[in-house]
Amino acid sequence: MTKRPKPGKADSKRYKVVKYAVPKKLKARQNPILNRFTAVWVQSNGVPFDTTGFFATLTRTNTGQLVSTRSFDPFGVVRFGNIRTLTRFTYTLRTFDSNGVLFRTRVIPPGVEAFAIIG
């Protein structure tokens, strides 16, 4: 088994939201595969970090209201069971280690099923 590193404390700030235009004939309404909002924390090569002891908070960006706090599993995944997909609001996702040290902050746009935190 390959040992995955813990995430670094320095935020790379190398992230962006990419949106693609879909031709009209391909715009068939499909249900999401994931029924609850899920985030995955991965290295730049796509391999998940070892996130044992890490947790995440999800707040509404416009109101600052805390919506949910959940723990990561050891494989870099956190699932917010109370947030249905596709998301309807803009959220702020913050990730912390077991000591409460803030590692990353990302803004999640509406209409999202899953989100990858890279780096």
N, C-alpha and C. Protein backbone atom coordinates (compact mmCIF):
# COMPACT_ATOMS: atom_id res chain seq x y z
N MET A 1 0.85 -1.18 0.00
CA MET A 1 0.00 0.00 0.00
C MET A 1 0.89 1.24 0.00
N THR A 2 0.57 2.20 -0.83
CA THR A 2 1.32 3.44 -0.94
C THR A 2 0.92 4.37 0.19
N LYS A 3 1.91 4.97 0.83
CA LYS A 3 1.63 5.91 1.91
C LYS A 3 1.40 7.29 1.31
N ARG A 4 0.26 7.89 1.64
CA ARG A 4 -0.07 9.22 1.12
C ARG A 4 0.41 10.28 2.10
N PRO A 5 0.93 11.40 1.60
CA PRO A 5 1.41 12.46 2.50
C PRO A 5 0.23 13.26 3.06
N LYS A 6 0.48 13.93 4.17
CA LYS A 6 -0.49 14.87 4.73
C LYS A 6 -0.44 16.14 3.88
N PRO A 7 -1.54 16.90 3.79
CA PRO A 7 -1.53 18.14 3.02
C PRO A 7 -0.60 19.17 3.65
N GLY A 8 0.04 19.97 2.81
CA GLY A 8 0.92 21.03 3.30
C GLY A 8 0.13 22.21 3.83
N LYS A 9 0.73 22.99 4.71
CA LYS A 9 0.02 24.13 5.30
C LYS A 9 -0.04 25.33 4.36
N ALA A 10 0.88 25.44 3.41
CA ALA A 10 0.87 26.57 2.48
C ALA A 10 -0.17 26.30 1.40
N ASP A 11 -1.03 27.27 1.16
CA ASP A 11 -2.07 27.14 0.14
C ASP A 11 -1.48 27.59 -1.19
N SER A 12 -1.59 26.74 -2.20
CA SER A 12 -0.99 27.04 -3.50
C SER A 12 -1.73 28.15 -4.24
N LYS A 13 -3.01 28.37 -3.91
CA LYS A 13 -3.86 29.37 -4.57
C LYS A 13 -3.94 29.13 -6.07
N ARG A 14 -3.61 27.92 -6.53
CA ARG A 14 -3.67 27.58 -7.95
C ARG A 14 -4.95 26.81 -8.23
N TYR A 15 -6.06 27.48 -8.13
CA TYR A 15 -7.32 26.83 -8.43
C TYR A 15 -8.18 27.79 -9.23
N LYS A 16 -9.11 27.24 -9.98
CA LYS A 16 -10.02 28.07 -10.75
C LYS A 16 -11.27 27.26 -11.04
N VAL A 17 -12.33 27.96 -11.33
CA VAL A 17 -13.58 27.32 -11.71
C VAL A 17 -13.64 27.32 -13.23
N VAL A 18 -13.85 26.15 -13.80
CA VAL A 18 -13.91 26.01 -15.25
C VAL A 18 -15.34 25.64 -15.63
N LYS A 19 -15.93 26.41 -16.53
CA LYS A 19 -17.27 26.12 -17.01
C LYS A 19 -17.20 25.88 -18.50
N TYR A 20 -17.93 24.88 -18.96
CA TYR A 20 -17.95 24.53 -20.37
C TYR A 20 -19.36 24.72 -20.91
N ALA A 21 -19.45 25.23 -22.13
CA ALA A 21 -20.74 25.34 -22.80
C ALA A 21 -21.07 23.99 -23.42
N VAL A 22 -22.29 23.54 -23.21
CA VAL A 22 -22.74 22.26 -23.76
C VAL A 22 -23.68 22.56 -24.92
N PRO A 23 -23.46 21.94 -26.08
CA PRO A 23 -24.38 22.16 -27.20
C PRO A 23 -25.82 21.81 -26.80
N LYS A 24 -26.80 22.54 -27.36
CA LYS A 24 -28.20 22.36 -26.96
C LYS A 24 -28.70 20.94 -27.15
N LYS A 25 -28.28 20.26 -28.20
CA LYS A 25 -28.81 18.93 -28.43
C LYS A 25 -28.33 17.91 -27.37
N LEU A 26 -27.26 18.23 -26.63
CA LEU A 26 -26.75 17.34 -25.58
C LEU A 26 -27.30 17.67 -24.20
N LYS A 27 -28.09 18.73 -24.08
CA LYS A 27 -28.57 19.17 -22.78
C LYS A 27 -29.79 18.38 -22.32
N ALA A 28 -29.65 17.10 -22.13
CA ALA A 28 -30.73 16.27 -21.60
C ALA A 28 -30.67 16.32 -20.08
N ARG A 29 -31.80 16.49 -19.43
CA ARG A 29 -31.86 16.54 -17.97
C ARG A 29 -31.49 15.17 -17.41
N GLN A 30 -30.45 15.14 -16.60
CA GLN A 30 -30.03 13.91 -15.96
C GLN A 30 -29.95 14.15 -14.46
N ASN A 31 -30.25 13.12 -13.72
CA ASN A 31 -30.14 13.21 -12.27
C ASN A 31 -28.67 13.07 -11.87
N PRO A 32 -28.27 13.73 -10.77
CA PRO A 32 -26.90 13.59 -10.29
C PRO A 32 -26.62 12.15 -9.85
N ILE A 33 -25.37 11.75 -10.00
CA ILE A 33 -24.95 10.42 -9.54
C ILE A 33 -24.85 10.41 -8.02
N LEU A 34 -24.25 11.45 -7.46
CA LEU A 34 -24.13 11.58 -6.00
C LEU A 34 -25.32 12.38 -5.49
N ASN A 35 -26.01 11.89 -4.49
CA ASN A 35 -27.18 12.61 -4.00
C ASN A 35 -26.88 13.56 -2.85
N ARG A 36 -25.65 13.53 -2.33
CA ARG A 36 -25.22 14.45 -1.27
C ARG A 36 -23.90 15.08 -1.68
N PHE A 37 -23.69 16.36 -1.26
CA PHE A 37 -22.48 17.08 -1.65
C PHE A 37 -21.25 16.39 -1.06
N THR A 38 -20.25 16.18 -1.91
CA THR A 38 -19.02 15.47 -1.53
C THR A 38 -17.82 16.28 -1.98
N ALA A 39 -16.79 16.34 -1.13
CA ALA A 39 -15.54 17.01 -1.50
C ALA A 39 -14.39 16.01 -1.35
N VAL A 40 -13.43 16.09 -2.27
CA VAL A 40 -12.26 15.22 -2.26
C VAL A 40 -11.03 16.11 -2.26
N TRP A 41 -10.09 15.83 -1.34
CA TRP A 41 -8.86 16.62 -1.21
C TRP A 41 -7.72 15.81 -1.82
N VAL A 42 -7.18 16.29 -2.95
CA VAL A 42 -6.18 15.54 -3.69
C VAL A 42 -4.91 16.35 -3.93
N GLN A 43 -3.83 15.62 -4.20
CA GLN A 43 -2.58 16.25 -4.60
C GLN A 43 -2.71 16.71 -6.06
N SER A 44 -1.75 17.46 -6.55
CA SER A 44 -1.82 17.96 -7.92
C SER A 44 -1.79 16.83 -8.95
N ASN A 45 -1.32 15.65 -8.57
CA ASN A 45 -1.32 14.50 -9.49
C ASN A 45 -2.60 13.66 -9.35
N GLY A 46 -3.55 14.09 -8.52
CA GLY A 46 -4.83 13.41 -8.39
C GLY A 46 -4.91 12.38 -7.29
N VAL A 47 -3.81 12.10 -6.62
CA VAL A 47 -3.81 11.11 -5.53
C VAL A 47 -4.33 11.78 -4.26
N PRO A 48 -5.29 11.17 -3.57
CA PRO A 48 -5.84 11.78 -2.35
C PRO A 48 -4.80 11.87 -1.23
N PHE A 49 -4.94 12.92 -0.42
CA PHE A 49 -4.12 13.06 0.77
C PHE A 49 -4.62 12.12 1.86
N ASP A 50 -3.75 11.81 2.82
CA ASP A 50 -4.16 11.11 4.04
C ASP A 50 -4.76 12.17 4.96
N THR A 51 -6.06 12.17 5.10
CA THR A 51 -6.75 13.22 5.85
C THR A 51 -7.29 12.71 7.18
N THR A 52 -6.62 11.75 7.77
CA THR A 52 -7.02 11.23 9.08
C THR A 52 -7.00 12.37 10.09
N GLY A 53 -8.11 12.60 10.78
CA GLY A 53 -8.20 13.64 11.79
C GLY A 53 -8.59 15.00 11.25
N PHE A 54 -8.69 15.17 9.94
CA PHE A 54 -9.07 16.45 9.36
C PHE A 54 -10.59 16.57 9.34
N PHE A 55 -11.09 17.82 9.36
CA PHE A 55 -12.52 18.05 9.24
C PHE A 55 -12.76 19.28 8.38
N ALA A 56 -14.01 19.45 7.94
CA ALA A 56 -14.36 20.57 7.07
C ALA A 56 -15.64 21.22 7.56
N THR A 57 -15.75 22.52 7.32
CA THR A 57 -16.97 23.25 7.61
C THR A 57 -17.51 23.81 6.30
N LEU A 58 -18.82 23.88 6.21
CA LEU A 58 -19.48 24.43 5.04
C LEU A 58 -20.40 25.55 5.51
N THR A 59 -20.19 26.77 5.01
CA THR A 59 -21.02 27.91 5.40
C THR A 59 -21.63 28.54 4.15
N ARG A 60 -22.80 29.14 4.30
CA ARG A 60 -23.40 29.89 3.20
C ARG A 60 -22.58 31.15 3.02
N THR A 61 -22.12 31.41 1.82
CA THR A 61 -21.22 32.54 1.56
C THR A 61 -21.90 33.87 1.80
N ASN A 62 -23.15 34.03 1.36
CA ASN A 62 -23.80 35.34 1.48
C ASN A 62 -24.24 35.67 2.91
N THR A 63 -24.56 34.67 3.73
CA THR A 63 -25.03 34.95 5.09
C THR A 63 -24.01 34.62 6.16
N GLY A 64 -23.02 33.79 5.85
CA GLY A 64 -22.04 33.38 6.84
C GLY A 64 -22.58 32.33 7.80
N GLN A 65 -23.76 31.79 7.53
CA GLN A 65 -24.39 30.79 8.39
C GLN A 65 -23.69 29.44 8.24
N LEU A 66 -23.27 28.88 9.38
CA LEU A 66 -22.65 27.55 9.37
C LEU A 66 -23.72 26.52 9.05
N VAL A 67 -23.50 25.74 7.98
CA VAL A 67 -24.48 24.76 7.53
C VAL A 67 -24.12 23.37 8.04
N SER A 68 -22.82 23.03 8.01
CA SER A 68 -22.44 21.67 8.39
C SER A 68 -20.96 21.61 8.74
N THR A 69 -20.63 20.69 9.64
CA THR A 69 -19.24 20.34 9.96
C THR A 69 -19.13 18.83 9.89
N ARG A 70 -18.18 18.34 9.09
CA ARG A 70 -18.01 16.90 8.91
C ARG A 70 -16.54 16.54 8.93
N SER A 71 -16.25 15.28 9.29
CA SER A 71 -14.88 14.77 9.31
C SER A 71 -14.54 14.11 7.98
N PHE A 72 -13.28 14.27 7.57
CA PHE A 72 -12.77 13.56 6.40
C PHE A 72 -12.53 12.11 6.76
N ASP A 73 -12.67 11.23 5.78
CA ASP A 73 -12.22 9.86 5.99
C ASP A 73 -10.72 9.82 5.71
N PRO A 74 -10.01 8.72 5.94
CA PRO A 74 -8.57 8.68 5.72
C PRO A 74 -8.16 8.80 4.25
N PHE A 75 -9.13 8.76 3.34
CA PHE A 75 -8.83 8.76 1.91
C PHE A 75 -9.14 10.08 1.23
N GLY A 76 -9.23 11.16 1.98
CA GLY A 76 -9.40 12.49 1.41
C GLY A 76 -10.82 12.86 1.04
N VAL A 77 -11.83 12.14 1.54
CA VAL A 77 -13.21 12.40 1.15
C VAL A 77 -14.02 12.86 2.36
N VAL A 78 -14.83 13.89 2.13
CA VAL A 78 -15.79 14.34 3.14
C VAL A 78 -17.16 14.43 2.46
N ARG A 79 -18.18 13.88 3.11
CA ARG A 79 -19.54 13.86 2.55
C ARG A 79 -20.45 14.63 3.50
N PHE A 80 -21.14 15.63 2.95
CA PHE A 80 -22.06 16.43 3.73
C PHE A 80 -23.47 15.87 3.53
N GLY A 81 -23.92 15.05 4.48
CA GLY A 81 -25.18 14.34 4.36
C GLY A 81 -26.41 15.22 4.34
N ASN A 82 -26.30 16.46 4.80
CA ASN A 82 -27.47 17.32 4.83
C ASN A 82 -27.53 18.29 3.65
N ILE A 83 -26.60 18.19 2.69
CA ILE A 83 -26.59 19.07 1.52
C ILE A 83 -26.92 18.23 0.29
N ARG A 84 -28.11 18.44 -0.26
CA ARG A 84 -28.52 17.71 -1.46
C ARG A 84 -27.83 18.29 -2.69
N THR A 85 -27.68 17.45 -3.70
CA THR A 85 -27.10 17.91 -4.96
C THR A 85 -28.21 17.95 -6.00
N LEU A 86 -28.03 18.77 -6.93
CA LEU A 86 -27.05 19.80 -7.18
C LEU A 86 -27.25 20.94 -6.19
N THR A 87 -26.16 21.53 -5.71
CA THR A 87 -26.28 22.57 -4.69
C THR A 87 -27.05 23.76 -5.25
N ARG A 88 -27.77 24.44 -4.36
CA ARG A 88 -28.58 25.58 -4.78
C ARG A 88 -27.98 26.92 -4.38
N PHE A 89 -27.01 26.90 -3.50
CA PHE A 89 -26.43 28.14 -2.97
C PHE A 89 -24.92 28.15 -3.16
N THR A 90 -24.32 29.32 -2.98
CA THR A 90 -22.86 29.43 -2.96
C THR A 90 -22.40 29.15 -1.53
N TYR A 91 -21.44 28.23 -1.39
CA TYR A 91 -20.93 27.83 -0.08
C TYR A 91 -19.44 28.15 0.02
N THR A 92 -18.97 28.31 1.25
CA THR A 92 -17.55 28.42 1.52
C THR A 92 -17.13 27.16 2.28
N LEU A 93 -16.16 26.45 1.72
CA LEU A 93 -15.65 25.22 2.31
C LEU A 93 -14.30 25.52 2.96
N ARG A 94 -14.18 25.21 4.26
CA ARG A 94 -12.93 25.40 4.98
C ARG A 94 -12.47 24.06 5.53
N THR A 95 -11.18 23.76 5.38
CA THR A 95 -10.63 22.49 5.87
C THR A 95 -9.65 22.77 7.00
N PHE A 96 -9.71 21.92 8.03
CA PHE A 96 -8.91 22.08 9.24
C PHE A 96 -8.26 20.75 9.61
N ASP A 97 -7.12 20.84 10.32
CA ASP A 97 -6.53 19.60 10.86
C ASP A 97 -7.16 19.33 12.23
N SER A 98 -6.70 18.28 12.90
CA SER A 98 -7.30 17.88 14.18
C SER A 98 -7.09 18.92 15.29
N ASN A 99 -6.12 19.81 15.12
CA ASN A 99 -5.87 20.87 16.10
C ASN A 99 -6.65 22.14 15.81
N GLY A 100 -7.44 22.15 14.74
CA GLY A 100 -8.22 23.33 14.38
C GLY A 100 -7.47 24.33 13.53
N VAL A 101 -6.32 23.95 12.97
CA VAL A 101 -5.55 24.85 12.11
C VAL A 101 -6.18 24.86 10.73
N LEU A 102 -6.52 26.06 10.23
CA LEU A 102 -7.14 26.20 8.92
C LEU A 102 -6.11 25.91 7.82
N PHE A 103 -6.45 25.00 6.90
CA PHE A 103 -5.56 24.65 5.81
C PHE A 103 -5.99 25.27 4.49
N ARG A 104 -7.23 25.15 4.10
CA ARG A 104 -7.71 25.64 2.82
C ARG A 104 -9.08 26.28 2.98
N THR A 105 -9.36 27.26 2.12
CA THR A 105 -10.67 27.87 2.00
C THR A 105 -11.01 27.94 0.53
N ARG A 106 -12.18 27.39 0.16
CA ARG A 106 -12.62 27.39 -1.23
C ARG A 106 -14.08 27.82 -1.30
N VAL A 107 -14.44 28.51 -2.37
CA VAL A 107 -15.82 28.91 -2.60
C VAL A 107 -16.43 27.93 -3.60
N ILE A 108 -17.57 27.35 -3.22
CA ILE A 108 -18.26 26.36 -4.03
C ILE A 108 -19.45 27.05 -4.71
N PRO A 109 -19.49 27.10 -6.03
CA PRO A 109 -20.61 27.76 -6.71
C PRO A 109 -21.86 26.89 -6.66
N PRO A 110 -23.03 27.49 -6.93
CA PRO A 110 -24.25 26.67 -6.97
C PRO A 110 -24.21 25.71 -8.17
N GLY A 111 -25.00 24.64 -8.09
CA GLY A 111 -25.09 23.69 -9.19
C GLY A 111 -23.99 22.65 -9.20
N VAL A 112 -23.44 22.33 -8.02
CA VAL A 112 -22.30 21.43 -7.92
C VAL A 112 -22.73 20.13 -7.24
N GLU A 113 -22.19 19.03 -7.71
CA GLU A 113 -22.45 17.71 -7.13
C GLU A 113 -21.28 17.25 -6.27
N ALA A 114 -20.06 17.53 -6.74
CA ALA A 114 -18.83 17.15 -6.02
C ALA A 114 -17.80 18.23 -6.29
N PHE A 115 -16.79 18.32 -5.41
CA PHE A 115 -15.76 19.35 -5.54
C PHE A 115 -14.42 18.75 -5.16
N ALA A 116 -13.38 19.08 -5.93
CA ALA A 116 -12.02 18.61 -5.63
C ALA A 116 -11.20 19.78 -5.12
N ILE A 117 -10.59 19.60 -3.96
CA ILE A 117 -9.62 20.55 -3.42
C ILE A 117 -8.26 20.04 -3.89
N ILE A 118 -7.59 20.80 -4.72
CA ILE A 118 -6.31 20.36 -5.29
C ILE A 118 -5.17 21.07 -4.58
N GLY A 119 -4.28 20.28 -3.98
CA GLY A 119 -3.11 20.85 -3.30
C GLY A 119 -3.33 21.10 -1.85
